[in-house]
C-alpha atoms as a PDB file:
ATOM      1  CA  MET A   1     151.499  13.618 154.184  1.00  0.00           C
ATOM      2  CA  SER A   2     154.198  11.079 153.136  1.00  0.00           C
ATOM      3  CA  LEU A   3     156.447  11.554 150.140  1.00  0.00           C
ATOM      4  CA  GLN A   4     154.675   8.785 148.254  1.00  0.00           C
ATOM      5  CA  SER A   5     151.266  10.448 148.888  1.00  0.00           C
ATOM      6  CA  CYS A   6     152.588  13.754 147.687  1.00  0.00           C
ATOM      7  CA  PHE A   7     154.016  12.196 144.586  1.00  0.00           C
ATOM      8  CA  THR A   8     150.750  10.386 143.900  1.00  0.00           C
ATOM      9  CA  PHE A   9     148.779  13.608 144.441  1.00  0.00           C
ATOM     10  CA  PHE A  10     150.869  15.658 141.976  1.00  0.00           C
ATOM     11  CA  LEU A  11     150.831  12.763 139.501  1.00  0.00           C
ATOM     12  CA  PHE A  12     147.054  12.709 139.739  1.00  0.00           C
ATOM     13  CA  THR A  13     146.819  16.494 139.353  1.00  0.00           C
ATOM     14  CA  PHE A  14     148.978  16.364 136.154  1.00  0.00           C
ATOM     15  CA  ALA A  15     147.090  13.460 134.716  1.00  0.00           C
ATOM     16  CA  TYR A  16     143.658  14.886 135.649  1.00  0.00           C
ATOM     17  CA  GLY A  17     144.483  18.026 133.657  1.00  0.00           C
ATOM     18  CA  THR A  18     145.463  16.086 130.614  1.00  0.00           C
ATOM     19  CA  CYS A  19     142.531  13.591 130.546  1.00  0.00           C
ATOM     20  CA  GLU A  20     139.731  14.362 128.209  1.00  0.00           C
ATOM     21  CA  GLU A  21     136.835  14.309 130.691  1.00  0.00           C
ATOM     22  CA  ASP A  22     136.246  13.330 134.290  1.00  0.00           C
ATOM     23  CA  PHE A  23     132.470  12.877 134.830  1.00  0.00           C
ATOM     24  CA  ILE A  24     129.652  11.198 136.804  1.00  0.00           C
ATOM     25  CA  HIS A  25     126.137  11.456 135.401  1.00  0.00           C
ATOM     26  CA  GLN A  26     122.736  10.473 136.784  1.00  0.00           C
ATOM     27  CA  GLN A  27     119.184  10.487 135.474  1.00  0.00           C
ATOM     28  CA  PRO A  28     117.510  13.597 137.104  1.00  0.00           C
ATOM     29  CA  LEU A  29     114.047  12.076 137.738  1.00  0.00           C
ATOM     30  CA  VAL A  30     112.527   8.634 137.995  1.00  0.00           C
ATOM     31  CA  VAL A  31     108.741   8.291 138.563  1.00  0.00           C
ATOM     32  CA  ALA A  32     107.395   4.959 139.898  1.00  0.00           C
ATOM     33  CA  GLU A  33     104.528   3.338 141.729  1.00  0.00           C
ATOM     34  CA  LEU A  34     104.431   1.725 145.180  1.00  0.00           C
ATOM     35  CA  GLY A  35     105.344  -1.978 144.977  1.00  0.00           C
ATOM     36  CA  SER A  36     107.156  -1.559 141.602  1.00  0.00           C
ATOM     37  CA  SER A  37     110.926  -1.924 140.965  1.00  0.00           C
ATOM     38  CA  VAL A  38     113.241   0.628 139.486  1.00  0.00           C
ATOM     39  CA  THR A  39     116.883   0.985 138.391  1.00  0.00           C
ATOM     40  CA  LEU A  40     118.737   4.252 138.981  1.00  0.00           C
ATOM     41  CA  PRO A  41     121.662   4.528 136.480  1.00  0.00           C
ATOM     42  CA  CYS A  42     125.054   6.039 137.315  1.00  0.00           C
ATOM     43  CA  PHE A  43     127.545   6.572 134.517  1.00  0.00           C
ATOM     44  CA  HIS A  44     131.082   7.596 135.291  1.00  0.00           C
ATOM     45  CA  SER A  45     134.512   7.949 133.794  1.00  0.00           C
ATOM     46  CA  ASP A  46     136.895   5.120 134.674  1.00  0.00           C
ATOM     47  CA  ASP A  47     139.914   7.344 135.424  1.00  0.00           C
ATOM     48  CA  PHE A  48     141.150   7.812 139.000  1.00  0.00           C
ATOM     49  CA  ILE A  49     138.592   5.922 141.124  1.00  0.00           C
ATOM     50  CA  THR A  50     139.363   4.171 144.321  1.00  0.00           C
ATOM     51  CA  THR A  51     135.799   3.892 145.550  1.00  0.00           C
ATOM     52  CA  ILE A  52     132.323   4.489 144.077  1.00  0.00           C
ATOM     53  CA  SER A  53     129.190   4.656 146.193  1.00  0.00           C
ATOM     54  CA  TRP A  54     125.435   5.391 146.402  1.00  0.00           C
ATOM     55  CA  TYR A  55     123.792   7.667 149.041  1.00  0.00           C
ATOM     56  CA  LYS A  56     120.134   8.131 149.946  1.00  0.00           C
ATOM     57  CA  HIS A  57     118.950  11.560 151.076  1.00  0.00           C
ATOM     58  CA  SER A  58     115.439  11.954 152.472  1.00  0.00           C
ATOM     59  CA  ALA A  59     113.987  15.442 153.144  1.00  0.00           C
ATOM     60  CA  GLY A  60     114.962  16.704 156.627  1.00  0.00           C
ATOM     61  CA  LYS A  61     117.350  13.787 157.261  1.00  0.00           C
ATOM     62  CA  LYS A  62     121.116  13.328 156.882  1.00  0.00           C
ATOM     63  CA  PRO A  63     122.363  11.348 153.790  1.00  0.00           C
ATOM     64  CA  LEU A  64     122.779   7.599 154.361  1.00  0.00           C
ATOM     65  CA  LEU A  65     125.465   5.480 152.652  1.00  0.00           C
ATOM     66  CA  ILE A  66     123.771   2.630 150.840  1.00  0.00           C
ATOM     67  CA  ALA A  67     126.736   0.804 149.367  1.00  0.00           C
ATOM     68  CA  HIS A  68     130.318   1.255 148.100  1.00  0.00           C
ATOM     69  CA  SER A  69     132.667  -0.726 145.912  1.00  0.00           C
ATOM     70  CA  ALA A  70     136.165  -0.723 144.470  1.00  0.00           C
ATOM     71  CA  PRO A  71     135.838  -0.385 140.706  1.00  0.00           C
ATOM     72  CA  ASN A  72     137.605  -3.563 139.666  1.00  0.00           C
ATOM     73  CA  SER A  73     136.862  -5.730 142.706  1.00  0.00           C
ATOM     74  CA  GLY A  74     133.295  -6.714 141.764  1.00  0.00           C
ATOM     75  CA  ARG A  75     132.403  -6.723 145.420  1.00  0.00           C
ATOM     76  CA  VAL A  76     129.698  -4.550 146.980  1.00  0.00           C
ATOM     77  CA  THR A  77     129.626  -3.566 150.656  1.00  0.00           C
ATOM     78  CA  TYR A  78     126.187  -2.502 151.916  1.00  0.00           C
ATOM     79  CA  GLN A  79     125.806  -0.100 154.841  1.00  0.00           C
ATOM     80  CA  ASN A  80     123.208   1.203 157.249  1.00  0.00           C
ATOM     81  CA  THR A  81     120.978  -1.954 157.206  1.00  0.00           C
ATOM     82  CA  PHE A  82     120.429  -1.679 153.411  1.00  0.00           C
ATOM     83  CA  ASN A  83     121.944  -5.225 153.166  1.00  0.00           C
ATOM     84  CA  ASN A  84     119.148  -6.542 155.425  1.00  0.00           C
ATOM     85  CA  THR A  85     116.230  -5.461 153.289  1.00  0.00           C
ATOM     86  CA  ASN A  86     117.028  -7.648 150.280  1.00  0.00           C
ATOM     87  CA  ARG A  87     115.550  -4.911 148.136  1.00  0.00           C
ATOM     88  CA  PHE A  88     118.632  -2.785 147.277  1.00  0.00           C
ATOM     89  CA  PHE A  89     121.097  -4.155 144.707  1.00  0.00           C
ATOM     90  CA  ILE A  90     124.118  -2.755 142.918  1.00  0.00           C
ATOM     91  CA  THR A  91     125.051  -3.758 139.386  1.00  0.00           C
ATOM     92  CA  ILE A  92     128.679  -3.070 138.444  1.00  0.00           C
ATOM     93  CA  ALA A  93     129.861  -2.684 134.793  1.00  0.00           C
ATOM     94  CA  SER A  94     132.542  -0.783 132.968  1.00  0.00           C
ATOM     95  CA  GLY A  95     131.664   2.932 133.253  1.00  0.00           C
ATOM     96  CA  SER A  96     128.468   2.285 135.252  1.00  0.00           C
ATOM     97  CA  TYR A  97     127.365   1.650 138.873  1.00  0.00           C
ATOM     98  CA  ASN A  98     123.575   1.209 138.914  1.00  0.00           C
ATOM     99  CA  LEU A  99     121.302   0.979 141.862  1.00  0.00           C
ATOM    100  CA  SER A 100     118.147  -1.240 141.708  1.00  0.00           C
ATOM    101  CA  ILE A 101     115.366  -1.050 144.301  1.00  0.00           C
ATOM    102  CA  LEU A 102     112.720  -3.840 144.427  1.00  0.00           C
ATOM    103  CA  HIS A 103     109.181  -3.559 145.750  1.00  0.00           C
ATOM    104  CA  LEU A 104     109.127   0.123 146.419  1.00  0.00           C
ATOM    105  CA  GLU A 105     107.967   1.318 149.726  1.00  0.00           C
ATOM    106  CA  LYS A 106     106.812   4.773 150.828  1.00  0.00           C
ATOM    107  CA  GLU A 107     110.180   5.651 152.520  1.00  0.00           C
ATOM    108  CA  ASP A 108     112.048   4.731 149.328  1.00  0.00           C
ATOM    109  CA  PHE A 109     110.939   7.886 147.565  1.00  0.00           C
ATOM    110  CA  ALA A 110     113.842  10.269 148.095  1.00  0.00           C
ATOM    111  CA  THR A 111     116.905  11.676 146.324  1.00  0.00           C
ATOM    112  CA  TYR A 112     119.750   9.301 145.451  1.00  0.00           C
ATOM    113  CA  TYR A 113     123.344  10.403 144.802  1.00  0.00           C
ATOM    114  CA  CYS A 114     126.086   8.426 143.076  1.00  0.00           C
ATOM    115  CA  ALA A 115     129.651   9.485 144.013  1.00  0.00           C
ATOM    116  CA  LYS A 116     133.195   8.465 143.212  1.00  0.00           C
ATOM    117  CA  PHE A 117     136.176   8.909 145.501  1.00  0.00           C
ATOM    118  CA  PHE A 118     139.917   9.342 144.819  1.00  0.00           C
ATOM    119  CA  LEU A 119     142.648  10.781 147.023  1.00  0.00           C
ATOM    120  CA  ASN A 120     140.263  12.428 149.508  1.00  0.00           C
ATOM    121  CA  ILE A 121     138.413  13.995 146.571  1.00  0.00           C
ATOM    122  CA  MET A 122     134.741  13.066 146.244  1.00  0.00           C
ATOM    123  CA  MET A 123     132.784  13.881 143.097  1.00  0.00           C
ATOM    124  CA  PHE A 124     128.971  13.654 143.258  1.00  0.00           C
ATOM    125  CA  GLY A 125     126.502  13.155 140.462  1.00  0.00           C
ATOM    126  CA  GLU A 126     123.591  15.545 139.895  1.00  0.00           C
ATOM    127  CA  GLY A 127     121.275  13.331 142.022  1.00  0.00           C
ATOM    128  CA  THR A 128     118.216  11.273 140.980  1.00  0.00           C
ATOM    129  CA  ILE A 129     114.822  12.143 142.460  1.00  0.00           C
ATOM    130  CA  LEU A 130     112.737   9.039 142.935  1.00  0.00           C
ATOM    131  CA  LEU A 131     109.154  10.371 142.800  1.00  0.00           C
ATOM    132  CA  HIS A 132     105.840   8.635 143.470  1.00  0.00           C
ATOM    133  CA  ASN A 133     103.548   8.903 140.392  1.00  0.00           C
ATOM    134  CA  GLU A 134     100.657  10.240 142.402  1.00  0.00           C
ATOM    135  CA  THR A 135     102.753  13.194 143.384  1.00  0.00           C
ATOM    136  CA  ASN A 136     101.934  14.688 139.984  1.00  0.00           C
ATOM    137  CA  ILE A 137      98.305  15.090 141.132  1.00  0.00           C
ATOM    138  CA  ILE A 138      99.500  17.269 143.992  1.00  0.00           C
ATOM    139  CA  ILE A 139     101.973  19.277 141.989  1.00  0.00           C
ATOM    140  CA  THR A 140      99.666  20.049 138.988  1.00  0.00           C
ATOM    141  CA  PRO A 141      97.171  22.283 140.913  1.00  0.00           C
ATOM    142  CA  LYS A 142     100.064  24.387 142.214  1.00  0.00           C
ATOM    143  CA  SER A 143     101.402  25.079 138.741  1.00  0.00           C
ATOM    144  CA  SER A 144      97.830  25.790 137.465  1.00  0.00           C
ATOM    145  CA  PHE A 145      97.221  28.093 140.440  1.00  0.00           C
ATOM    146  CA  TRP A 146      99.974  30.428 139.363  1.00  0.00           C
ATOM    147  CA  SER A 147      98.857  30.749 135.752  1.00  0.00           C
ATOM    148  CA  PRO A 148      95.885  33.073 136.468  1.00  0.00           C
ATOM    149  CA  VAL A 149      97.946  35.184 138.830  1.00  0.00           C
ATOM    150  CA  VAL A 150     100.620  35.621 136.141  1.00  0.00           C
ATOM    151  CA  LEU A 151      97.824  36.461 133.644  1.00  0.00           C
ATOM    152  CA  ILE A 152      96.176  38.994 135.964  1.00  0.00           C
ATOM    153  CA  LEU A 153      99.533  40.711 136.662  1.00  0.00           C
ATOM    154  CA  SER A 154     100.254  40.876 132.913  1.00  0.00           C
ATOM    155  CA  VAL A 155      96.855  42.486 132.267  1.00  0.00           C
ATOM    156  CA  ILE A 156      97.350  45.030 135.059  1.00  0.00           C
ATOM    157  CA  SER A 157     100.772  45.879 133.723  1.00  0.00           C
ATOM    158  CA  ALA A 158      99.390  46.378 130.191  1.00  0.00           C
ATOM    159  CA  ILE A 159      96.555  48.601 131.525  1.00  0.00           C
ATOM    160  CA  SER A 160      99.024  50.642 133.516  1.00  0.00           C
ATOM    161  CA  ILE A 161     101.169  51.209 130.458  1.00  0.00           C
ATOM    162  CA  ILE A 162      98.104  52.185 128.374  1.00  0.00           C
ATOM    163  CA  VAL A 163      96.929  54.681 131.038  1.00  0.00           C
ATOM    164  CA  ASN A 164     100.339  56.238 131.302  1.00  0.00           C
ATOM    165  CA  ILE A 165     100.502  56.666 127.523  1.00  0.00           C
ATOM    166  CA  PHE A 166      97.049  58.256 127.482  1.00  0.00           C
ATOM    167  CA  LEU A 167      97.985  60.675 130.231  1.00  0.00           C
ATOM    168  CA  MET A 168     101.129  61.648 128.384  1.00  0.00           C
ATOM    169  CA  ILE A 169      99.100  62.252 125.201  1.00  0.00           C
ATOM    170  CA  CYS A 170      96.573  64.367 127.160  1.00  0.00           C
ATOM    171  CA  THR A 171      99.323  66.442 128.763  1.00  0.00           C
ATOM    172  CA  TYR A 172     100.948  66.971 125.398  1.00  0.00           C
ATOM    173  CA  CYS A 173      97.616  68.033 123.857  1.00  0.00           C
ATOM    174  CA  LYS A 174      96.941  70.509 126.705  1.00  0.00           C
ATOM    175  CA  GLU A 175     100.384  72.039 126.421  1.00  0.00           C
ATOM    176  CA  ASP A 176      99.990  72.299 122.637  1.00  0.00           C
ATOM    177  CA  ALA A 177      96.558  73.963 122.975  1.00  0.00           C
ATOM    178  CA  SER A 178      97.903  76.412 125.565  1.00  0.00           C
ATOM    179  CA  GLU A 179     100.740  77.361 123.257  1.00  0.00           C
ATOM    180  CA  GLN A 180      98.292  77.939 120.405  1.00  0.00           C
ATOM    181  CA  ILE A 181      95.981  80.123 122.536  1.00  0.00           C
ATOM    182  CA  LEU A 182      98.923  82.146 123.797  1.00  0.00           C
ATOM    183  CA  SER A 183     100.210  82.618 120.246  1.00  0.00           C
ATOM    184  CA  ARG A 184      96.767  83.880 119.175  1.00  0.00           C
ATOM    185  CA  VAL A 185      96.603  86.277 122.134  1.00  0.00           C
ATOM    186  CA  ILE A 186     100.027  87.684 121.279  1.00  0.00           C
ATOM    187  CA  GLN A 187      98.965  88.047 117.600  1.00  0.00           C
ATOM    188  CA  VAL A 188      95.751  89.878 118.545  1.00  0.00           C
ATOM    189  CA  ASP A 189      97.679  92.204 120.919  1.00  0.00           C
ATOM    190  CA  THR A 190     100.200  92.939 118.164  1.00  0.00           C
ATOM    191  CA  ASN A 191      97.452  93.694 115.632  1.00  0.00           C
ATOM    192  CA  TYR A 192      95.757  95.974 118.192  1.00  0.00           C
ATOM    193  CA  PHE A 193      98.955  97.891 118.936  1.00  0.00           C
ATOM    194  CA  ASN A 194      99.626  98.212 115.162  1.00  0.00           C
ATOM    195  CA  TYR A 195      96.114  99.609 114.650  1.00  0.00           C
ATOM    196  CA  VAL A 196      96.457 102.068 117.573  1.00  0.00           C
ATOM    197  CA  ALA A 197      99.777 103.269 116.217  1.00  0.00           C
ATOM    198  CA  LEU A 198      98.329 103.660 112.706  1.00  0.00           C
ATOM    199  CA  GLN A 199      95.369 105.644 114.007  1.00  0.00           C
ATOM    200  CA  SER A 200      97.690 107.835 116.048  1.00  0.00           C
ATOM    201  CA  SER A 201      99.770 108.525 112.983  1.00  0.00           C
ATOM    202  CA  SER A 202      96.685 109.410 110.968  1.00  0.00           C
ATOM    203  CA  VAL A 203      95.433 111.881 113.601  1.00  0.00           C
ATOM    204  CA  THR A 204      98.874 113.549 113.745  1.00  0.00           C
ATOM    205  CA  THR A 205      99.029 113.917 109.998  1.00  0.00           C
ATOM    206  CA  SER A 206      95.466 115.387 109.868  1.00  0.00           C
ATOM    207  CA  GLN A 207      96.380 117.878 112.610  1.00  0.00           C
ATOM    208  CA  GLU A 208      99.493 118.952 110.745  1.00  0.00           C
ATOM    209  CA  GLU A 209      97.482 119.528 107.576  1.00  0.00           C
ATOM    210  CA  THR A 210      94.855 121.562 109.477  1.00  0.00           C
ATOM    211  CA  ILE A 211      97.640 123.790 111.035  1.00  0.00           C
ATOM    212  CA  CYS A 212      99.113 124.317 107.557  1.00  0.00           C
ATOM    213  CA  VAL A 213      95.773 125.321 106.037  1.00  0.00           C
ATOM    214  CA  TYR A 214      95.120 127.666 108.940  1.00  0.00           C
ATOM    215  CA  THR A 215      98.471 129.311 108.612  1.00  0.00           C
ATOM    216  CA  GLN A 216      98.072 129.911 104.895  1.00  0.00           C
ATOM    217  CA  THR A 217      94.588 131.388 105.433  1.00  0.00           C
ATOM    218  CA  SER A 218      95.785 133.692 108.065  1.00  0.00           C
ATOM    219  CA  LYS A 219      98.593 134.992 105.858  1.00  0.00           C
ATOM    220  CA  HIS A 220      96.101 135.586 103.048  1.00  0.00           C
ATOM    221  CA  PHE A 221      93.876 137.753 105.155  1.00  0.00           C
ATOM    222  CA  MET A 222      96.764 139.732 106.551  1.00  0.00           C
ATOM    223  CA  ARG A 223      97.674 140.882 103.137  1.00  0.00           C
END
């Protein structure tokens, strides 16, 4: 890299950090019919641009460069036979670089990217999907197909939660009932042992009284 290129790069880096915003914005989705015409807008900041361009990306294919321009030149250079169709046109204005497509054909429905280039740095926009309006008929059943599935899964989850709660309550009730029965058995056993001890004490006292009476009677007759 030459000294001049290095100086330009560092100057750009410093200026890029101080500028308010560097951006490139596109409309996410455009829906159109076959044979109609559309314009795909591209809005960009005017700072640090040497080239601005449009790309077409079809599913399963590599991106194709449609056209590119120098910002202030007003000239558009078309690439990859797009200049031979007479259906692709670029409109240049301050802060915008819009792509118009006339008489849409089936192969025109794809994703289009706007990009700006400066010092070997390329910044792409979010991309614009050009969609055939009849595609909605295909997409809608897919989204509606998932709704019952989500509903069924939600119901199954709710039932599972309810069953788990019910089982927890039943387990708690069984444990509580077992504790109550065990408590009653212990209480009955305690009462029984208290009764047996009381009866044993009564028998002992009665025997002692009998012995005392017998002893006194014996002494009386001995006299």
